[in-house]
Structures are given as structure tokens and as C-alpha cells.
């Protein structure tokens, strides 16, 4: 079970903090690119059903 002190200890570690930040930024970027690709396909095809598979996660 994770306690508050465990989280604080992990966040104090500089390497762990950087890794956690990088994972969060990467996840945000991935989500933004998936959304942008779906909008782009819909814009190119002018068709919602065609754009739907581009936003489905594999």
C-alpha cells in the first residue's frame, strides 16, 4: 500500500522525478497526436466513419 511518505520520498529523488515528468509529458503528447491524426483524417476524408479507426488504440 502506497503511503504519503513513499510518494514524497520518490518525488525527492531527482532521477525518479525526471522520469515521472517525462512519462507524463510523453503521455500528453501521445494523446494530442492521436487526436490530431483523427481530426486530420476527418478533414481529408470529410467522413466521420473513415476517421474513427485512426483514433482507435491498437
PDB file of N, CA and C in Angstrom:
ATOM      1  N   UNK A   1       0.844  -1.170   0.000  1.00  0.00           N
ATOM      2  CA  UNK A   1       0.000   0.000   0.000  1.00  0.00           C
ATOM      3  C   UNK A   1       0.893   1.238   0.000  1.00  0.00           C
ATOM      4  N   UNK A   2       0.593   2.168  -0.893  1.00  0.00           N
ATOM      5  CA  UNK A   2       1.390   3.381  -1.000  1.00  0.00           C
ATOM      6  C   UNK A   2       0.938   4.385   0.047  1.00  0.00           C
ATOM      7  N   UNK A   3       1.898   4.887   0.758  1.00  0.00           N
ATOM      8  CA  UNK A   3       1.590   5.912   1.753  1.00  0.00           C
ATOM      9  C   UNK A   3       2.081   7.257   1.249  1.00  0.00           C
ATOM     10  N   UNK A   4       1.718   8.272   1.940  1.00  0.00           N
ATOM     11  CA  UNK A   4       2.121   9.617   1.555  1.00  0.00           C
ATOM     12  C   UNK A   4       3.643   9.760   1.608  1.00  0.00           C
ATOM     13  N   UNK A   5       4.265   9.161   2.585  1.00  0.00           N
ATOM     14  CA  UNK A   5       5.713   9.311   2.735  1.00  0.00           C
ATOM     15  C   UNK A   5       6.470   8.618   1.624  1.00  0.00           C
ATOM     16  N   UNK A   6       5.927   7.531   1.118  1.00  0.00           N
ATOM     17  CA  UNK A   6       6.583   6.856  -0.001  1.00  0.00           C
ATOM     18  C   UNK A   6       6.560   7.752  -1.230  1.00  0.00           C
ATOM     19  N   UNK A   7       5.438   8.387  -1.492  1.00  0.00           N
ATOM     20  CA  UNK A   7       5.331   9.292  -2.633  1.00  0.00           C
ATOM     21  C   UNK A   7       6.282  10.476  -2.490  1.00  0.00           C
ATOM     22  N   UNK A   8       6.376  11.026  -1.303  1.00  0.00           N
ATOM     23  CA  UNK A   8       7.282  12.156  -1.072  1.00  0.00           C
ATOM     24  C   UNK A   8       8.728  11.730  -1.285  1.00  0.00           C
ATOM     25  N   UNK A   9       9.074  10.551  -0.808  1.00  0.00           N
ATOM     26  CA  UNK A   9      10.442  10.057  -0.958  1.00  0.00           C
ATOM     27  C   UNK A   9      10.792   9.840  -2.431  1.00  0.00           C
ATOM     28  N   UNK A  10       9.830   9.335  -3.205  1.00  0.00           N
ATOM     29  CA  UNK A  10      10.070   9.134  -4.635  1.00  0.00           C
ATOM     30  C   UNK A  10      10.220  10.476  -5.339  1.00  0.00           C
ATOM     31  N   UNK A  11       9.372  11.436  -5.013  1.00  0.00           N
ATOM     32  CA  UNK A  11       9.444  12.738  -5.668  1.00  0.00           C
ATOM     33  C   UNK A  11      10.690  13.522  -5.276  1.00  0.00           C
ATOM     34  N   UNK A  12      11.267  13.229  -4.116  1.00  0.00           N
ATOM     35  CA  UNK A  12      12.524  13.887  -3.731  1.00  0.00           C
ATOM     36  C   UNK A  12      13.704  13.394  -4.555  1.00  0.00           C
ATOM     37  N   UNK A  13      13.608  12.161  -5.026  1.00  0.00           N
ATOM     38  CA  UNK A  13      14.677  11.603  -5.855  1.00  0.00           C
ATOM     39  C   UNK A  13      14.645  12.305  -7.220  1.00  0.00           C
ATOM     40  N   UNK A  14      15.730  12.962  -7.564  1.00  0.00           N
ATOM     41  CA  UNK A  14      15.782  13.762  -8.785  1.00  0.00           C
ATOM     42  C   UNK A  14      15.575  12.912 -10.041  1.00  0.00           C
ATOM     43  N   UNK A  15      16.179  11.755 -10.094  1.00  0.00           N
ATOM     44  CA  UNK A  15      16.055  10.884 -11.256  1.00  0.00           C
ATOM     45  C   UNK A  15      14.624  10.369 -11.401  1.00  0.00           C
ATOM     46  N   UNK A  16      14.024   9.964 -10.301  1.00  0.00           N
ATOM     47  CA  UNK A  16      12.642   9.474 -10.343  1.00  0.00           C
ATOM     48  C   UNK A  16      11.689  10.592 -10.742  1.00  0.00           C
ATOM     49  N   UNK A  17      11.918  11.784 -10.255  1.00  0.00           N
ATOM     50  CA  UNK A  17      11.081  12.928 -10.613  1.00  0.00           C
ATOM     51  C   UNK A  17      11.170  13.252 -12.090  1.00  0.00           C
ATOM     52  N   UNK A  18      12.369  13.210 -12.629  1.00  0.00           N
ATOM     53  CA  UNK A  18      12.545  13.463 -14.062  1.00  0.00           C
ATOM     54  C   UNK A  18      11.877  12.387 -14.897  1.00  0.00           C
ATOM     55  N   UNK A  19      12.027  11.148 -14.475  1.00  0.00           N
ATOM     56  CA  UNK A  19      11.411  10.040 -15.206  1.00  0.00           C
ATOM     57  C   UNK A  19       9.888  10.164 -15.182  1.00  0.00           C
ATOM     58  N   UNK A  20       9.325  10.464 -14.033  1.00  0.00           N
ATOM     59  CA  UNK A  20       7.876  10.625 -13.909  1.00  0.00           C
ATOM     60  C   UNK A  20       7.382  11.795 -14.754  1.00  0.00           C
ATOM     61  N   UNK A  21       8.122  12.889 -14.757  1.00  0.00           N
ATOM     62  CA  UNK A  21       7.758  14.041 -15.574  1.00  0.00           C
ATOM     63  C   UNK A  21       7.815  13.694 -17.057  1.00  0.00           C
ATOM     64  N   UNK A  22       8.852  12.987 -17.465  1.00  0.00           N
ATOM     65  CA  UNK A  22       8.983  12.593 -18.870  1.00  0.00           C
ATOM     66  C   UNK A  22       7.849  11.668 -19.299  1.00  0.00           C
ATOM     67  N   UNK A  23       7.463  10.753 -18.443  1.00  0.00           N
ATOM     68  CA  UNK A  23       6.359   9.846 -18.767  1.00  0.00           C
ATOM     69  C   UNK A  23       5.052  10.621 -18.913  1.00  0.00           C
ATOM     70  N   UNK A  24       4.829  11.578 -18.038  1.00  0.00           N
ATOM     71  CA  UNK A  24       3.600  12.380 -18.113  1.00  0.00           C
ATOM     72  C   UNK A  24       3.573  13.243 -19.376  1.00  0.00           C
ATOM     73  N   UNK A  25       4.686  13.875 -19.708  1.00  0.00           N
ATOM     74  CA  UNK A  25       4.750  14.704 -20.909  1.00  0.00           C
ATOM     75  C   UNK A  25       4.592  13.840 -22.156  1.00  0.00           C
ATOM     76  N   UNK A  26       5.213  12.677 -22.151  1.00  0.00           N
ATOM     77  CA  UNK A  26       5.098  11.768 -23.280  1.00  0.00           C
ATOM     78  C   UNK A  26       3.661  11.296 -23.473  1.00  0.00           C
ATOM     79  N   UNK A  27       2.998  10.988 -22.389  1.00  0.00           N
ATOM     80  CA  UNK A  27       1.601  10.561 -22.478  1.00  0.00           C
ATOM     81  C   UNK A  27       0.700  11.660 -23.007  1.00  0.00           C
ATOM     82  N   UNK A  28       0.940  12.889 -22.564  1.00  0.00           N
ATOM     83  CA  UNK A  28       0.162  14.017 -23.061  1.00  0.00           C
ATOM     84  C   UNK A  28       0.409  14.223 -24.555  1.00  0.00           C
ATOM     85  N   UNK A  29       1.666  14.118 -24.968  1.00  0.00           N
ATOM     86  CA  UNK A  29       1.998  14.284 -26.383  1.00  0.00           C
ATOM     87  C   UNK A  29       1.391  13.197 -27.249  1.00  0.00           C
ATOM     88  N   UNK A  30       1.402  11.975 -26.752  1.00  0.00           N
ATOM     89  CA  UNK A  30       0.806  10.868 -27.498  1.00  0.00           C
ATOM     90  C   UNK A  30      -0.687  11.081 -27.681  1.00  0.00           C
ATOM     91  N   UNK A  31      -1.362  11.483 -26.624  1.00  0.00           N
ATOM     92  CA  UNK A  31      -2.800  11.741 -26.707  1.00  0.00           C
ATOM     93  C   UNK A  31      -3.099  12.872 -27.689  1.00  0.00           C
ATOM     94  N   UNK A  32      -2.298  13.916 -27.646  1.00  0.00           N
ATOM     95  CA  UNK A  32      -2.510  15.045 -28.555  1.00  0.00           C
ATOM     96  C   UNK A  32      -2.293  14.632 -30.008  1.00  0.00           C
ATOM     97  N   UNK A  33      -1.300  13.802 -30.269  1.00  0.00           N
ATOM     98  CA  UNK A  33      -1.059  13.362 -31.642  1.00  0.00           C
ATOM     99  C   UNK A  33      -2.162  12.436 -32.145  1.00  0.00           C
ATOM    100  N   UNK A  34      -2.688  11.557 -31.298  1.00  0.00           N
ATOM    101  CA  UNK A  34      -3.813  10.695 -31.699  1.00  0.00           C
ATOM    102  C   UNK A  34      -5.017  11.552 -32.061  1.00  0.00           C
ATOM    103  N   UNK A  35      -5.307  12.548 -31.244  1.00  0.00           N
ATOM    104  CA  UNK A  35      -6.434  13.428 -31.525  1.00  0.00           C
ATOM    105  C   UNK A  35      -6.212  14.201 -32.818  1.00  0.00           C
ATOM    106  N   UNK A  36      -5.026  14.733 -33.004  1.00  0.00           N
ATOM    107  CA  UNK A  36      -4.716  15.492 -34.217  1.00  0.00           C
ATOM    108  C   UNK A  36      -4.801  14.614 -35.462  1.00  0.00           C
ATOM    109  N   UNK A  37      -4.364  13.362 -35.362  1.00  0.00           N
ATOM    110  CA  UNK A  37      -4.436  12.480 -36.533  1.00  0.00           C
ATOM    111  C   UNK A  37      -5.887  12.174 -36.894  1.00  0.00           C
ATOM    112  N   UNK A  38      -6.734  12.004 -35.899  1.00  0.00           N
ATOM    113  CA  UNK A  38      -8.152  11.768 -36.184  1.00  0.00           C
ATOM    114  C   UNK A  38      -8.803  12.967 -36.851  1.00  0.00           C
ATOM    115  N   UNK A  39      -8.494  14.166 -36.371  1.00  0.00           N
ATOM    116  CA  UNK A  39      -9.038  15.383 -36.977  1.00  0.00           C
ATOM    117  C   UNK A  39      -8.508  15.544 -38.387  1.00  0.00           C
ATOM    118  N   UNK A  40      -7.243  15.230 -38.594  1.00  0.00           N
ATOM    119  CA  UNK A  40      -6.633  15.351 -39.916  1.00  0.00           C
ATOM    120  C   UNK A  40      -7.283  14.400 -40.904  1.00  0.00           C
ATOM    121  N   UNK A  41      -7.486  13.139 -40.509  1.00  0.00           N
ATOM    122  CA  UNK A  41      -8.122  12.159 -41.400  1.00  0.00           C
ATOM    123  C   UNK A  41      -9.554  12.581 -41.706  1.00  0.00           C
ATOM    124  N   UNK A  42     -10.259  13.073 -40.697  1.00  0.00           N
ATOM    125  CA  UNK A  42     -11.630  13.519 -40.934  1.00  0.00           C
ATOM    126  C   UNK A  42     -11.641  14.711 -41.891  1.00  0.00           C
ATOM    127  N   UNK A  43     -10.689  15.607 -41.737  1.00  0.00           N
ATOM    128  CA  UNK A  43     -10.608  16.763 -42.625  1.00  0.00           C
ATOM    129  C   UNK A  43     -10.301  16.337 -44.057  1.00  0.00           C
ATOM    130  N   UNK A  44      -9.423  15.354 -44.220  1.00  0.00           N
ATOM    131  CA  UNK A  44      -9.085  14.877 -45.564  1.00  0.00           C
ATOM    132  C   UNK A  44     -10.225  14.112 -46.211  1.00  0.00           C
ATOM    133  N   UNK A  45     -10.893  13.276 -45.427  1.00  0.00           N
ATOM    134  CA  UNK A  45     -11.911  12.399 -45.998  1.00  0.00           C
ATOM    135  C   UNK A  45     -13.318  12.991 -45.960  1.00  0.00           C
ATOM    136  N   UNK A  46     -13.523  13.995 -45.126  1.00  0.00           N
ATOM    137  CA  UNK A  46     -14.846  14.588 -44.925  1.00  0.00           C
ATOM    138  C   UNK A  46     -15.879  13.537 -44.499  1.00  0.00           C
ATOM    139  N   UNK A  47     -15.390  12.515 -43.780  1.00  0.00           N
ATOM    140  CA  UNK A  47     -16.264  11.411 -43.421  1.00  0.00           C
ATOM    141  C   UNK A  47     -15.903  10.920 -42.022  1.00  0.00           C
ATOM    142  N   UNK A  48     -16.868  10.936 -41.116  1.00  0.00           N
ATOM    143  CA  UNK A  48     -16.620  10.510 -39.744  1.00  0.00           C
ATOM    144  C   UNK A  48     -16.258   9.026 -39.626  1.00  0.00           C
ATOM    145  N   UNK A  49     -16.969   8.099 -40.298  1.00  0.00           N
ATOM    146  CA  UNK A  49     -16.606   6.674 -40.156  1.00  0.00           C
ATOM    147  C   UNK A  49     -15.189   6.355 -40.626  1.00  0.00           C
ATOM    148  N   UNK A  50     -14.681   7.096 -41.577  1.00  0.00           N
ATOM    149  CA  UNK A  50     -13.313   6.869 -42.042  1.00  0.00           C
ATOM    150  C   UNK A  50     -12.305   7.314 -40.990  1.00  0.00           C
ATOM    151  N   UNK A  51     -12.621   8.363 -40.255  1.00  0.00           N
ATOM    152  CA  UNK A  51     -11.696   8.902 -39.258  1.00  0.00           C
ATOM    153  C   UNK A  51     -11.690   8.078 -37.975  1.00  0.00           C
ATOM    154  N   UNK A  52     -12.751   7.354 -37.710  1.00  0.00           N
ATOM    155  CA  UNK A  52     -12.855   6.603 -36.441  1.00  0.00           C
ATOM    156  C   UNK A  52     -11.738   5.591 -36.234  1.00  0.00           C
ATOM    157  N   UNK A  53     -11.382   4.767 -37.239  1.00  0.00           N
ATOM    158  CA  UNK A  53     -10.293   3.786 -36.997  1.00  0.00           C
ATOM    159  C   UNK A  53      -8.937   4.437 -36.720  1.00  0.00           C
ATOM    160  N   UNK A  54      -8.734   5.672 -37.176  1.00  0.00           N
ATOM    161  CA  UNK A  54      -7.432   6.305 -36.946  1.00  0.00           C
ATOM    162  C   UNK A  54      -7.248   6.699 -35.485  1.00  0.00           C
ATOM    163  N   UNK A  55      -8.341   6.828 -34.743  1.00  0.00           N
ATOM    164  CA  UNK A  55      -8.219   7.214 -33.338  1.00  0.00           C
ATOM    165  C   UNK A  55      -8.339   6.032 -32.396  1.00  0.00           C
ATOM    166  N   UNK A  56      -8.568   4.840 -32.922  1.00  0.00           N
ATOM    167  CA  UNK A  56      -8.675   3.645 -32.072  1.00  0.00           C
ATOM    168  C   UNK A  56      -7.284   3.186 -31.694  1.00  0.00           C
ATOM    169  N   UNK A  57      -7.087   2.916 -30.423  1.00  0.00           N
ATOM    170  CA  UNK A  57      -5.795   2.440 -29.974  1.00  0.00           C
ATOM    171  C   UNK A  57      -5.604   0.988 -30.407  1.00  0.00           C
ATOM    172  N   UNK A  58      -4.390   0.649 -30.797  1.00  0.00           N
ATOM    173  CA  UNK A  58      -4.141  -0.737 -31.250  1.00  0.00           C
ATOM    174  C   UNK A  58      -4.236  -1.731 -30.118  1.00  0.00           C
TER     175      UNK A  58
END
